[in-house]
Amino acid sequence: MQGLSFIVTVAGMIYHDIKRVADESKLSVKEIMREMKKLKITLNGNKWVVENKIKSVRDVAAKVGFDIPKYLLDKTVST
């Protein structure tokens, strides 16, 4: 039961942080999760890289304070 308690605690902490950001950005948790699950981030050597550059994801990420352009290798952004 300790493993399950740990998972529930971590999930609650993550939800709490997402809910706080959602309230500040005037978006719902569902909207944030729907868009951000489209985000593909990979570790290339020792640098995190955003692989896809979907406009709707960039818009939601900007609203919640996640600066995608600083994580891009290729600074060109598609629409």
C-alpha atoms as a PDB file:
ATOM      1  CA  MET A   1       0.000   0.000   0.000  1.00  0.00           C
ATOM      2  CA  GLN A   2       2.968   2.340   0.420  1.00  0.00           C
ATOM      3  CA  GLY A   3       3.615   2.395  -3.341  1.00  0.00           C
ATOM      4  CA  LEU A   4       0.027   3.369  -4.093  1.00  0.00           C
ATOM      5  CA  SER A   5       0.125   6.081  -1.430  1.00  0.00           C
ATOM      6  CA  PHE A   6       3.244   7.523  -3.028  1.00  0.00           C
ATOM      7  CA  ILE A   7       1.656   7.547  -6.508  1.00  0.00           C
ATOM      8  CA  VAL A   8      -1.516   9.208  -5.203  1.00  0.00           C
ATOM      9  CA  THR A   9       0.547  11.833  -3.351  1.00  0.00           C
ATOM     10  CA  VAL A  10       2.655  12.663  -6.420  1.00  0.00           C
ATOM     11  CA  ALA A  11      -0.423  12.771  -8.680  1.00  0.00           C
ATOM     12  CA  GLY A  12      -2.106  15.144  -6.222  1.00  0.00           C
ATOM     13  CA  MET A  13       0.938  17.414  -6.172  1.00  0.00           C
ATOM     14  CA  ILE A  14       1.040  17.527  -9.975  1.00  0.00           C
ATOM     15  CA  TYR A  15      -2.708  18.211 -10.190  1.00  0.00           C
ATOM     16  CA  HIS A  16      -2.406  20.983  -7.595  1.00  0.00           C
ATOM     17  CA  ASP A  17       0.307  22.731  -9.635  1.00  0.00           C
ATOM     18  CA  ILE A  18      -1.645  22.376 -12.891  1.00  0.00           C
ATOM     19  CA  LYS A  19      -4.833  23.652 -11.189  1.00  0.00           C
ATOM     20  CA  ARG A  20      -2.980  26.702  -9.833  1.00  0.00           C
ATOM     21  CA  VAL A  21      -1.633  27.531 -13.299  1.00  0.00           C
ATOM     22  CA  ALA A  22      -5.076  26.931 -14.819  1.00  0.00           C
ATOM     23  CA  ASP A  23      -6.695  29.353 -12.394  1.00  0.00           C
ATOM     24  CA  GLU A  24      -4.049  32.013 -13.085  1.00  0.00           C
ATOM     25  CA  SER A  25      -4.294  31.638 -16.874  1.00  0.00           C
ATOM     26  CA  LYS A  26      -8.118  31.508 -17.033  1.00  0.00           C
ATOM     27  CA  LEU A  27      -8.000  28.070 -18.706  1.00  0.00           C
ATOM     28  CA  SER A  28      -9.425  24.782 -17.517  1.00  0.00           C
ATOM     29  CA  VAL A  29      -7.241  21.870 -16.481  1.00  0.00           C
ATOM     30  CA  LYS A  30      -8.866  19.881 -19.292  1.00  0.00           C
ATOM     31  CA  GLU A  31      -7.865  22.502 -21.910  1.00  0.00           C
ATOM     32  CA  ILE A  32      -4.287  22.601 -20.652  1.00  0.00           C
ATOM     33  CA  MET A  33      -3.958  18.808 -20.582  1.00  0.00           C
ATOM     34  CA  ARG A  34      -5.583  18.392 -24.016  1.00  0.00           C
ATOM     35  CA  GLU A  35      -3.101  20.756 -25.658  1.00  0.00           C
ATOM     36  CA  MET A  36       0.039  19.946 -23.692  1.00  0.00           C
ATOM     37  CA  LYS A  37      -0.272  16.199 -24.337  1.00  0.00           C
ATOM     38  CA  LYS A  38       0.491  17.031 -27.988  1.00  0.00           C
ATOM     39  CA  LEU A  39       3.872  18.416 -26.933  1.00  0.00           C
ATOM     40  CA  LYS A  40       6.770  16.097 -27.745  1.00  0.00           C
ATOM     41  CA  ILE A  41       9.967  16.784 -25.805  1.00  0.00           C
ATOM     42  CA  THR A  42      13.092  14.662 -26.198  1.00  0.00           C
ATOM     43  CA  LEU A  43      16.507  14.677 -24.596  1.00  0.00           C
ATOM     44  CA  ASN A  44      19.176  15.222 -27.268  1.00  0.00           C
ATOM     45  CA  GLY A  45      22.538  14.728 -25.590  1.00  0.00           C
ATOM     46  CA  ASN A  46      22.247  16.973 -22.548  1.00  0.00           C
ATOM     47  CA  LYS A  47      19.691  19.386 -24.050  1.00  0.00           C
ATOM     48  CA  TRP A  48      15.897  19.113 -23.980  1.00  0.00           C
ATOM     49  CA  VAL A  49      14.356  19.706 -27.413  1.00  0.00           C
ATOM     50  CA  VAL A  50      10.746  20.396 -28.377  1.00  0.00           C
ATOM     51  CA  GLU A  51      10.167  18.254 -31.476  1.00  0.00           C
ATOM     52  CA  ASN A  52       6.782  19.556 -32.627  1.00  0.00           C
ATOM     53  CA  LYS A  53       5.766  23.176 -32.939  1.00  0.00           C
ATOM     54  CA  ILE A  54       1.950  23.155 -33.089  1.00  0.00           C
ATOM     55  CA  LYS A  55       0.516  26.677 -32.826  1.00  0.00           C
ATOM     56  CA  SER A  56      -2.297  25.746 -30.412  1.00  0.00           C
ATOM     57  CA  VAL A  57       0.240  24.104 -28.090  1.00  0.00           C
ATOM     58  CA  ARG A  58       2.514  27.171 -28.265  1.00  0.00           C
ATOM     59  CA  ASP A  59      -0.441  29.429 -27.406  1.00  0.00           C
ATOM     60  CA  VAL A  60      -1.475  27.380 -24.364  1.00  0.00           C
ATOM     61  CA  ALA A  61       2.139  26.980 -23.254  1.00  0.00           C
ATOM     62  CA  ALA A  62       2.603  30.760 -23.409  1.00  0.00           C
ATOM     63  CA  LYS A  63      -0.542  31.278 -21.310  1.00  0.00           C
ATOM     64  CA  VAL A  64       0.718  28.932 -18.609  1.00  0.00           C
ATOM     65  CA  GLY A  65       4.232  30.397 -18.614  1.00  0.00           C
ATOM     66  CA  PHE A  66       6.180  27.672 -20.453  1.00  0.00           C
ATOM     67  CA  ASP A  67       8.590  29.295 -22.915  1.00  0.00           C
ATOM     68  CA  ILE A  68       8.841  26.796 -25.794  1.00  0.00           C
ATOM     69  CA  PRO A  69      11.220  28.800 -28.056  1.00  0.00           C
ATOM     70  CA  LYS A  70      14.077  28.590 -25.557  1.00  0.00           C
ATOM     71  CA  TYR A  71      13.923  24.786 -25.837  1.00  0.00           C
ATOM     72  CA  LEU A  72      14.007  24.594 -29.646  1.00  0.00           C
ATOM     73  CA  LEU A  73      17.137  23.605 -31.554  1.00  0.00           C
ATOM     74  CA  ASP A  74      15.670  24.910 -34.795  1.00  0.00           C
ATOM     75  CA  LYS A  75      14.336  28.400 -34.067  1.00  0.00           C
ATOM     76  CA  THR A  76      11.974  28.349 -37.066  1.00  0.00           C
ATOM     77  CA  VAL A  77       8.369  27.992 -35.979  1.00  0.00           C
ATOM     78  CA  SER A  78       5.697  26.486 -38.207  1.00  0.00           C
ATOM     79  CA  THR A  79       2.013  27.475 -38.086  1.00  0.00           C
END
